[in-house]
Amino acid sequence: MTPERRLDQLEPLVADVLQKVDRLIEGQGQIITEISKIPSIDRNTSITAEAIANLTTSTQRQYDELKAGQDAIMQYLREKLP
């Protein structure tokens, strides 16, 4: 398999992963909004917000690692392509 063909296979996969990460981050914001609307949970909202913020940070870190890996793969393939 040529590097160009492999690159063509990797790009849609990476784009799909990045799209899913974006949806997860958006979903976390919607969860916090809905939770804050429940009166009996008002006192726990800050705890939940902190947990979701930590999850967002973790997701962002994973995204950054994925992006770095993608960049390394792209660089490698660019070097190998004629």
Protein backbone atom coordinates (compact mmCIF):
# COMPACT_ATOMS: atom_id res chain seq x y z
CA MET A 1 0.00 0.00 0.00
CA THR A 2 1.38 3.38 -0.94
CA PRO A 3 1.78 6.10 1.67
CA GLU A 4 -0.62 8.28 -0.32
CA ARG A 5 -3.32 5.63 -0.21
CA ARG A 6 -2.72 5.08 3.51
CA LEU A 7 -3.03 8.83 4.07
CA ASP A 8 -6.32 8.79 2.18
CA GLN A 9 -7.54 6.11 4.58
CA LEU A 10 -6.36 7.89 7.73
CA GLU A 11 -7.75 11.34 7.03
CA PRO A 12 -11.46 10.35 7.20
CA LEU A 13 -10.85 8.38 10.40
CA VAL A 14 -9.11 11.28 12.11
CA ALA A 15 -11.80 13.71 10.92
CA ASP A 16 -14.48 11.41 12.35
CA VAL A 17 -12.72 11.20 15.73
CA LEU A 18 -12.32 14.97 15.91
CA GLN A 19 -16.00 15.46 15.06
CA LYS A 20 -16.98 13.07 17.87
CA VAL A 21 -14.75 14.93 20.32
CA ASP A 22 -16.48 18.20 19.34
CA ARG A 23 -19.88 16.59 19.94
CA LEU A 24 -18.78 15.31 23.35
CA ILE A 25 -17.62 18.76 24.41
CA GLU A 26 -20.89 20.31 23.20
CA GLY A 27 -22.89 17.62 24.99
CA GLN A 28 -21.10 18.32 28.25
CA GLY A 29 -22.20 21.95 28.07
CA GLN A 30 -25.80 20.90 27.45
CA ILE A 31 -25.70 18.49 30.40
CA ILE A 32 -24.57 21.24 32.76
CA THR A 33 -27.31 23.54 31.50
CA GLU A 34 -30.02 20.93 32.07
CA ILE A 35 -28.71 19.91 35.49
CA SER A 36 -28.67 23.51 36.67
CA LYS A 37 -32.43 23.75 35.89
CA ILE A 38 -33.34 21.10 38.48
CA PRO A 39 -34.10 22.86 41.82
CA SER A 40 -33.17 19.96 44.11
CA ILE A 41 -29.78 19.69 42.48
CA ASP A 42 -28.83 23.37 42.75
CA ARG A 43 -26.45 22.70 45.64
CA ASN A 44 -24.70 19.96 43.66
CA THR A 45 -24.42 21.96 40.46
CA SER A 46 -21.01 23.36 41.33
CA ILE A 47 -19.70 19.87 42.08
CA THR A 48 -21.13 18.60 38.80
CA ALA A 49 -19.76 21.62 36.93
CA GLU A 50 -16.31 20.93 38.34
CA ALA A 51 -16.51 17.26 37.33
CA ILE A 52 -17.59 18.18 33.82
CA ALA A 53 -14.84 20.79 33.61
CA ASN A 54 -12.34 18.09 34.55
CA LEU A 55 -13.85 15.80 31.93
CA THR A 56 -13.60 18.59 29.37
CA THR A 57 -9.95 19.11 30.29
CA SER A 58 -9.33 15.39 29.94
CA THR A 59 -11.11 15.32 26.58
CA GLN A 60 -9.08 18.32 25.40
CA ARG A 61 -5.84 16.64 26.48
CA GLN A 62 -6.82 13.49 24.56
CA TYR A 63 -7.69 15.63 21.54
CA ASP A 64 -4.29 17.34 21.73
CA GLU A 65 -2.54 13.96 21.92
CA LEU A 66 -4.58 12.68 18.98
CA LYS A 67 -3.80 15.82 16.98
CA ALA A 68 -0.09 15.48 17.73
CA GLY A 69 -0.19 11.87 16.56
CA GLN A 70 -2.06 12.87 13.43
CA ASP A 71 0.49 15.58 12.72
CA ALA A 72 3.35 13.09 13.18
CA ILE A 73 1.68 10.61 10.80
CA MET A 74 1.03 13.33 8.24
CA GLN A 75 4.64 14.52 8.44
CA TYR A 76 5.95 10.97 8.07
CA LEU A 77 3.73 10.32 5.06
CA ARG A 78 4.67 13.63 3.45
CA GLU A 79 8.34 12.69 3.77
CA LYS A 80 7.69 9.29 2.20
CA LEU A 81 5.56 10.53 -0.69
CA PRO A 82 7.47 11.27 -3.88
